[in-house]
């Protein structure tokens, strides 16, 4: 299965439990949406697992621009790549390309980074873009609750925390809202679906309560 291969790759590249759990959370959301829309859940889970595989080792995120877009397009075209790449997700995509992952996977991973110049177009790409930041934010909301349980998190809880600029300050609220636009869902509905997805795998994700 692609997801088993992706999980092995993730655990080879990433040692931090927090980043592993983030990728597992995104993968859980991807499976949830794949089932709802009749898509390939194994493929969608795999993409969720490996989308941030290189972030621990190569956390730099380059500026958007013609050079970055040209590099992303070269990756997708199978052209030779420079030895030194600008950072995440380019090192991960280069490895995925070398190890035979499909064009569909490469493009999806590139498209979740705004600065890559690769716009999320397919349902796979749009869903990854929409759930990436939001799944992390919802997880953070669960972890600050006294019971640390996603079961007690509601849409209103998440929206209240979104208004608190000091909470999970590194998470872009505009990015979350834009994700809802990209997937063409009302924000409340997207949050509700992400909560439902994370509840389905709460124990593994460490948000099943204390």
C-alpha atoms as a PDB file:
ATOM      1  CA  UNK A   1       0.000   0.000   0.000  1.00  0.00           C
ATOM      2  CA  UNK A   2       1.150   3.526  -0.739  1.00  0.00           C
ATOM      3  CA  UNK A   3       0.311   4.676   2.773  1.00  0.00           C
ATOM      4  CA  UNK A   4       2.564   2.035   4.331  1.00  0.00           C
ATOM      5  CA  UNK A   5       5.415   3.084   2.058  1.00  0.00           C
ATOM      6  CA  UNK A   6       4.761   6.748   2.858  1.00  0.00           C
ATOM      7  CA  UNK A   7       4.717   6.122   6.612  1.00  0.00           C
ATOM      8  CA  UNK A   8       8.042   4.301   6.405  1.00  0.00           C
ATOM      9  CA  UNK A   9       9.507   7.257   4.515  1.00  0.00           C
ATOM     10  CA  UNK A  10       8.093   9.738   7.015  1.00  0.00           C
ATOM     11  CA  UNK A  11       9.542   7.866   9.994  1.00  0.00           C
ATOM     12  CA  UNK A  12      12.910   7.570   8.251  1.00  0.00           C
ATOM     13  CA  UNK A  13      13.127  11.310   7.615  1.00  0.00           C
ATOM     14  CA  UNK A  14      11.375  12.678  10.717  1.00  0.00           C
ATOM     15  CA  UNK A  15      12.381  11.870  14.288  1.00  0.00           C
ATOM     16  CA  UNK A  16      10.399  14.551  16.155  1.00  0.00           C
ATOM     17  CA  UNK A  17       7.178  13.118  17.552  1.00  0.00           C
ATOM     18  CA  UNK A  18       5.358  16.432  17.104  1.00  0.00           C
ATOM     19  CA  UNK A  19       6.014  16.571  13.359  1.00  0.00           C
ATOM     20  CA  UNK A  20       5.181  12.893  12.949  1.00  0.00           C
ATOM     21  CA  UNK A  21       1.857  13.494  14.670  1.00  0.00           C
ATOM     22  CA  UNK A  22       1.163  16.519  12.493  1.00  0.00           C
ATOM     23  CA  UNK A  23       1.679  14.439   9.364  1.00  0.00           C
ATOM     24  CA  UNK A  24      -0.490  11.670  10.812  1.00  0.00           C
ATOM     25  CA  UNK A  25      -3.190  14.239  11.574  1.00  0.00           C
ATOM     26  CA  UNK A  26      -3.114  15.593   8.032  1.00  0.00           C
ATOM     27  CA  UNK A  27      -3.211  12.033   6.687  1.00  0.00           C
ATOM     28  CA  UNK A  28      -6.217  11.270   8.894  1.00  0.00           C
ATOM     29  CA  UNK A  29      -8.036  14.283   7.472  1.00  0.00           C
ATOM     30  CA  UNK A  30      -7.107  13.267   3.935  1.00  0.00           C
ATOM     31  CA  UNK A  31      -8.578   9.785   4.453  1.00  0.00           C
ATOM     32  CA  UNK A  32     -11.752  11.333   5.890  1.00  0.00           C
ATOM     33  CA  UNK A  33     -12.260  13.552   2.852  1.00  0.00           C
ATOM     34  CA  UNK A  34     -11.337  10.785   0.411  1.00  0.00           C
ATOM     35  CA  UNK A  35     -14.053   8.565   1.857  1.00  0.00           C
ATOM     36  CA  UNK A  36     -16.579  11.395   1.677  1.00  0.00           C
ATOM     37  CA  UNK A  37     -15.833  12.106  -1.970  1.00  0.00           C
ATOM     38  CA  UNK A  38     -15.155   8.601  -3.280  1.00  0.00           C
ATOM     39  CA  UNK A  39     -11.456   9.218  -3.914  1.00  0.00           C
ATOM     40  CA  UNK A  40      -8.474   6.895  -3.415  1.00  0.00           C
ATOM     41  CA  UNK A  41      -8.029   6.905   0.373  1.00  0.00           C
ATOM     42  CA  UNK A  42      -4.690   5.084   0.234  1.00  0.00           C
ATOM     43  CA  UNK A  43      -3.209   7.667  -2.130  1.00  0.00           C
ATOM     44  CA  UNK A  44      -4.656  10.580  -0.191  1.00  0.00           C
ATOM     45  CA  UNK A  45      -3.345   9.202   3.111  1.00  0.00           C
ATOM     46  CA  UNK A  46       0.109   8.743   1.598  1.00  0.00           C
ATOM     47  CA  UNK A  47       0.241  12.358   0.454  1.00  0.00           C
ATOM     48  CA  UNK A  48      -0.791  13.556   3.902  1.00  0.00           C
ATOM     49  CA  UNK A  49       1.948  11.508   5.510  1.00  0.00           C
ATOM     50  CA  UNK A  50       4.800  12.720   3.326  1.00  0.00           C
ATOM     51  CA  UNK A  51       3.827  16.337   2.636  1.00  0.00           C
ATOM     52  CA  UNK A  52       6.195  17.632   5.361  1.00  0.00           C
ATOM     53  CA  UNK A  53       8.728  14.789   5.323  1.00  0.00           C
ATOM     54  CA  UNK A  54      11.717  17.112   4.794  1.00  0.00           C
ATOM     55  CA  UNK A  55      10.686  19.929   7.142  1.00  0.00           C
ATOM     56  CA  UNK A  56      12.706  18.699  10.116  1.00  0.00           C
ATOM     57  CA  UNK A  57      15.956  18.535   8.128  1.00  0.00           C
ATOM     58  CA  UNK A  58      15.298  21.416   5.712  1.00  0.00           C
ATOM     59  CA  UNK A  59      12.935  23.883   7.417  1.00  0.00           C
ATOM     60  CA  UNK A  60      13.808  26.924   5.326  1.00  0.00           C
ATOM     61  CA  UNK A  61      10.988  28.214   3.142  1.00  0.00           C
ATOM     62  CA  UNK A  62      12.143  30.336   0.212  1.00  0.00           C
ATOM     63  CA  UNK A  63      10.509  33.459  -1.097  1.00  0.00           C
ATOM     64  CA  UNK A  64       8.016  33.044  -3.899  1.00  0.00           C
ATOM     65  CA  UNK A  65       9.322  34.118  -7.276  1.00  0.00           C
ATOM     66  CA  UNK A  66      10.228  33.061 -10.802  1.00  0.00           C
ATOM     67  CA  UNK A  67      13.276  31.049  -9.697  1.00  0.00           C
ATOM     68  CA  UNK A  68      11.289  29.004  -7.169  1.00  0.00           C
ATOM     69  CA  UNK A  69       8.495  28.351  -9.654  1.00  0.00           C
ATOM     70  CA  UNK A  70      11.009  27.354 -12.328  1.00  0.00           C
ATOM     71  CA  UNK A  71      12.577  24.850  -9.932  1.00  0.00           C
ATOM     72  CA  UNK A  72       9.199  23.334  -9.078  1.00  0.00           C
ATOM     73  CA  UNK A  73       8.319  23.044 -12.756  1.00  0.00           C
ATOM     74  CA  UNK A  74      11.700  21.443 -13.485  1.00  0.00           C
ATOM     75  CA  UNK A  75      11.015  18.872 -10.785  1.00  0.00           C
ATOM     76  CA  UNK A  76       7.704  17.971 -12.360  1.00  0.00           C
ATOM     77  CA  UNK A  77       9.225  17.855 -15.835  1.00  0.00           C
ATOM     78  CA  UNK A  78      11.907  15.374 -14.758  1.00  0.00           C
ATOM     79  CA  UNK A  79      14.720  17.800 -15.544  1.00  0.00           C
ATOM     80  CA  UNK A  80      18.121  17.691 -13.782  1.00  0.00           C
ATOM     81  CA  UNK A  81      18.158  19.460 -10.425  1.00  0.00           C
ATOM     82  CA  UNK A  82      20.852  21.530  -8.704  1.00  0.00           C
ATOM     83  CA  UNK A  83      22.729  19.888  -5.857  1.00  0.00           C
ATOM     84  CA  UNK A  84      21.568  22.528  -3.382  1.00  0.00           C
ATOM     85  CA  UNK A  85      17.839  23.181  -3.123  1.00  0.00           C
ATOM     86  CA  UNK A  86      16.130  26.102  -1.374  1.00  0.00           C
ATOM     87  CA  UNK A  87      14.490  24.053   1.384  1.00  0.00           C
ATOM     88  CA  UNK A  88      11.063  22.606   2.135  1.00  0.00           C
ATOM     89  CA  UNK A  89       9.346  20.903   0.281  1.00  0.00           C
ATOM     90  CA  UNK A  90      11.924  20.703  -2.498  1.00  0.00           C
ATOM     91  CA  UNK A  91      14.272  18.209  -0.826  1.00  0.00           C
ATOM     92  CA  UNK A  92      11.364  15.940  -0.050  1.00  0.00           C
ATOM     93  CA  UNK A  93       9.989  16.125  -3.573  1.00  0.00           C
ATOM     94  CA  UNK A  94      13.435  15.469  -5.033  1.00  0.00           C
ATOM     95  CA  UNK A  95      13.684  12.306  -2.934  1.00  0.00           C
ATOM     96  CA  UNK A  96      10.176  11.232  -3.874  1.00  0.00           C
ATOM     97  CA  UNK A  97      11.000  11.734  -7.536  1.00  0.00           C
ATOM     98  CA  UNK A  98      14.187   9.692  -7.218  1.00  0.00           C
ATOM     99  CA  UNK A  99      12.337   6.853  -5.526  1.00  0.00           C
ATOM    100  CA  UNK A 100       9.629   6.557  -8.133  1.00  0.00           C
ATOM    101  CA  UNK A 101       6.614   8.337  -6.674  1.00  0.00           C
ATOM    102  CA  UNK A 102       4.041   9.472  -9.206  1.00  0.00           C
ATOM    103  CA  UNK A 103       3.726  12.896 -10.763  1.00  0.00           C
ATOM    104  CA  UNK A 104       0.397  13.229  -8.958  1.00  0.00           C
ATOM    105  CA  UNK A 105       2.113  12.887  -5.581  1.00  0.00           C
ATOM    106  CA  UNK A 106       4.985  15.214  -6.470  1.00  0.00           C
ATOM    107  CA  UNK A 107       2.617  17.919  -7.637  1.00  0.00           C
ATOM    108  CA  UNK A 108       0.396  17.598  -4.584  1.00  0.00           C
ATOM    109  CA  UNK A 109       3.328  18.013  -2.183  1.00  0.00           C
ATOM    110  CA  UNK A 110       4.650  21.023  -4.098  1.00  0.00           C
ATOM    111  CA  UNK A 111       1.218  22.633  -4.252  1.00  0.00           C
ATOM    112  CA  UNK A 112       0.764  22.820  -0.474  1.00  0.00           C
ATOM    113  CA  UNK A 113       3.568  25.412  -0.332  1.00  0.00           C
ATOM    114  CA  UNK A 114       2.296  28.785  -1.543  1.00  0.00           C
ATOM    115  CA  UNK A 115       5.750  29.889  -2.616  1.00  0.00           C
ATOM    116  CA  UNK A 116       6.348  26.913  -4.938  1.00  0.00           C
ATOM    117  CA  UNK A 117       4.302  28.532  -7.680  1.00  0.00           C
ATOM    118  CA  UNK A 118       2.326  25.312  -8.142  1.00  0.00           C
ATOM    119  CA  UNK A 119      -1.331  26.104  -7.506  1.00  0.00           C
ATOM    120  CA  UNK A 120      -3.543  23.461  -5.877  1.00  0.00           C
ATOM    121  CA  UNK A 121      -5.931  22.418  -8.631  1.00  0.00           C
ATOM    122  CA  UNK A 122      -7.014  18.791  -8.244  1.00  0.00           C
ATOM    123  CA  UNK A 123      -9.296  17.637  -5.409  1.00  0.00           C
ATOM    124  CA  UNK A 124      -6.266  15.943  -3.825  1.00  0.00           C
ATOM    125  CA  UNK A 125      -4.232  19.153  -3.910  1.00  0.00           C
ATOM    126  CA  UNK A 126      -7.060  21.377  -2.748  1.00  0.00           C
ATOM    127  CA  UNK A 127      -7.864  19.130   0.184  1.00  0.00           C
ATOM    128  CA  UNK A 128      -4.243  18.923   1.319  1.00  0.00           C
ATOM    129  CA  UNK A 129      -4.002  22.701   1.199  1.00  0.00           C
ATOM    130  CA  UNK A 130      -7.224  23.113   3.174  1.00  0.00           C
ATOM    131  CA  UNK A 131      -6.493  20.675   6.002  1.00  0.00           C
ATOM    132  CA  UNK A 132      -2.773  21.235   6.546  1.00  0.00           C
ATOM    133  CA  UNK A 133      -2.783  24.370   8.724  1.00  0.00           C
ATOM    134  CA  UNK A 134      -6.255  23.730  10.117  1.00  0.00           C
ATOM    135  CA  UNK A 135      -5.538  20.224  11.395  1.00  0.00           C
ATOM    136  CA  UNK A 136      -2.584  21.566  13.368  1.00  0.00           C
ATOM    137  CA  UNK A 137      -4.648  24.388  14.776  1.00  0.00           C
ATOM    138  CA  UNK A 138      -7.519  22.128  15.839  1.00  0.00           C
ATOM    139  CA  UNK A 139      -5.026  19.761  17.463  1.00  0.00           C
ATOM    140  CA  UNK A 140      -3.580  22.690  19.421  1.00  0.00           C
ATOM    141  CA  UNK A 141      -7.089  23.664  20.562  1.00  0.00           C
ATOM    142  CA  UNK A 142      -7.642  20.130  21.866  1.00  0.00           C
ATOM    143  CA  UNK A 143      -4.299  20.017  23.690  1.00  0.00           C
ATOM    144  CA  UNK A 144      -4.917  23.207  25.708  1.00  0.00           C
ATOM    145  CA  UNK A 145      -8.226  21.939  27.040  1.00  0.00           C
ATOM    146  CA  UNK A 146      -8.140  20.476  30.564  1.00  0.00           C
ATOM    147  CA  UNK A 147      -9.138  17.034  29.277  1.00  0.00           C
ATOM    148  CA  UNK A 148      -6.855  17.229  26.198  1.00  0.00           C
ATOM    149  CA  UNK A 149      -9.656  15.555  24.282  1.00  0.00           C
ATOM    150  CA  UNK A 150     -10.751  16.351  20.727  1.00  0.00           C
ATOM    151  CA  UNK A 151     -14.189  14.977  21.679  1.00  0.00           C
ATOM    152  CA  UNK A 152     -14.915  18.173  23.600  1.00  0.00           C
ATOM    153  CA  UNK A 153     -13.756  20.521  20.821  1.00  0.00           C
ATOM    154  CA  UNK A 154     -16.505  22.175  18.810  1.00  0.00           C
ATOM    155  CA  UNK A 155     -16.487  24.532  15.839  1.00  0.00           C
ATOM    156  CA  UNK A 156     -17.162  27.454  18.178  1.00  0.00           C
ATOM    157  CA  UNK A 157     -14.106  26.490  20.278  1.00  0.00           C
ATOM    158  CA  UNK A 158     -11.883  26.649  17.215  1.00  0.00           C
ATOM    159  CA  UNK A 159     -13.288  29.925  15.943  1.00  0.00           C
ATOM    160  CA  UNK A 160     -12.879  31.502  19.371  1.00  0.00           C
ATOM    161  CA  UNK A 161      -9.213  30.505  19.437  1.00  0.00           C
ATOM    162  CA  UNK A 162      -8.753  31.864  15.914  1.00  0.00           C
ATOM    163  CA  UNK A 163      -9.590  35.305  17.285  1.00  0.00           C
ATOM    164  CA  UNK A 164      -6.892  34.970  19.959  1.00  0.00           C
ATOM    165  CA  UNK A 165      -3.774  36.191  18.165  1.00  0.00           C
ATOM    166  CA  UNK A 166      -1.501  34.940  20.948  1.00  0.00           C
ATOM    167  CA  UNK A 167      -2.724  31.362  20.584  1.00  0.00           C
ATOM    168  CA  UNK A 168      -0.760  29.214  18.092  1.00  0.00           C
ATOM    169  CA  UNK A 169       0.596  32.496  16.775  1.00  0.00           C
ATOM    170  CA  UNK A 170       2.594  30.877  13.984  1.00  0.00           C
ATOM    171  CA  UNK A 171      -0.559  29.503  12.360  1.00  0.00           C
ATOM    172  CA  UNK A 172      -1.873  31.869   9.710  1.00  0.00           C
ATOM    173  CA  UNK A 173      -5.562  32.594  10.221  1.00  0.00           C
ATOM    174  CA  UNK A 174      -5.685  33.975   6.710  1.00  0.00           C
ATOM    175  CA  UNK A 175      -4.166  30.729   5.501  1.00  0.00           C
ATOM    176  CA  UNK A 176      -6.912  28.735   7.203  1.00  0.00           C
ATOM    177  CA  UNK A 177      -9.602  30.940   5.689  1.00  0.00           C
ATOM    178  CA  UNK A 178      -7.964  30.725   2.278  1.00  0.00           C
ATOM    179  CA  UNK A 179      -7.935  26.948   2.620  1.00  0.00           C
ATOM    180  CA  UNK A 180     -11.719  26.999   2.960  1.00  0.00           C
ATOM    181  CA  UNK A 181     -11.905  29.078  -0.222  1.00  0.00           C
ATOM    182  CA  UNK A 182      -9.568  26.684  -2.045  1.00  0.00           C
ATOM    183  CA  UNK A 183     -11.695  23.656  -1.175  1.00  0.00           C
ATOM    184  CA  UNK A 184     -14.884  25.663  -1.797  1.00  0.00           C
ATOM    185  CA  UNK A 185     -16.409  24.997   1.634  1.00  0.00           C
ATOM    186  CA  UNK A 186     -17.793  27.359   4.260  1.00  0.00           C
ATOM    187  CA  UNK A 187     -15.188  27.708   6.993  1.00  0.00           C
ATOM    188  CA  UNK A 188     -17.518  26.341   9.679  1.00  0.00           C
ATOM    189  CA  UNK A 189     -18.150  23.218   7.603  1.00  0.00           C
ATOM    190  CA  UNK A 190     -14.436  22.679   6.974  1.00  0.00           C
ATOM    191  CA  UNK A 191     -13.649  23.011  10.676  1.00  0.00           C
ATOM    192  CA  UNK A 192     -16.435  20.550  11.524  1.00  0.00           C
ATOM    193  CA  UNK A 193     -15.099  17.985   9.058  1.00  0.00           C
ATOM    194  CA  UNK A 194     -11.550  18.321  10.374  1.00  0.00           C
ATOM    195  CA  UNK A 195     -12.773  17.867  13.954  1.00  0.00           C
ATOM    196  CA  UNK A 196     -14.718  14.758  12.913  1.00  0.00           C
ATOM    197  CA  UNK A 197     -11.670  13.367  11.124  1.00  0.00           C
ATOM    198  CA  UNK A 198      -9.343  13.911  14.075  1.00  0.00           C
ATOM    199  CA  UNK A 199     -11.851  12.358  16.482  1.00  0.00           C
ATOM    200  CA  UNK A 200     -11.691   9.166  14.430  1.00  0.00           C
ATOM    201  CA  UNK A 201      -7.976   8.746  15.187  1.00  0.00           C
ATOM    202  CA  UNK A 202      -7.722  10.599  18.479  1.00  0.00           C
ATOM    203  CA  UNK A 203      -5.725   8.026  20.446  1.00  0.00           C
ATOM    204  CA  UNK A 204      -2.981   7.725  17.851  1.00  0.00           C
ATOM    205  CA  UNK A 205      -2.777  11.490  17.529  1.00  0.00           C
ATOM    206  CA  UNK A 206      -2.486  12.038  21.287  1.00  0.00           C
ATOM    207  CA  UNK A 207      -5.759  13.964  21.573  1.00  0.00           C
ATOM    208  CA  UNK A 208      -7.945  11.243  23.038  1.00  0.00           C
ATOM    209  CA  UNK A 209      -7.987  12.642  26.562  1.00  0.00           C
ATOM    210  CA  UNK A 210      -6.053  12.169  29.777  1.00  0.00           C
END
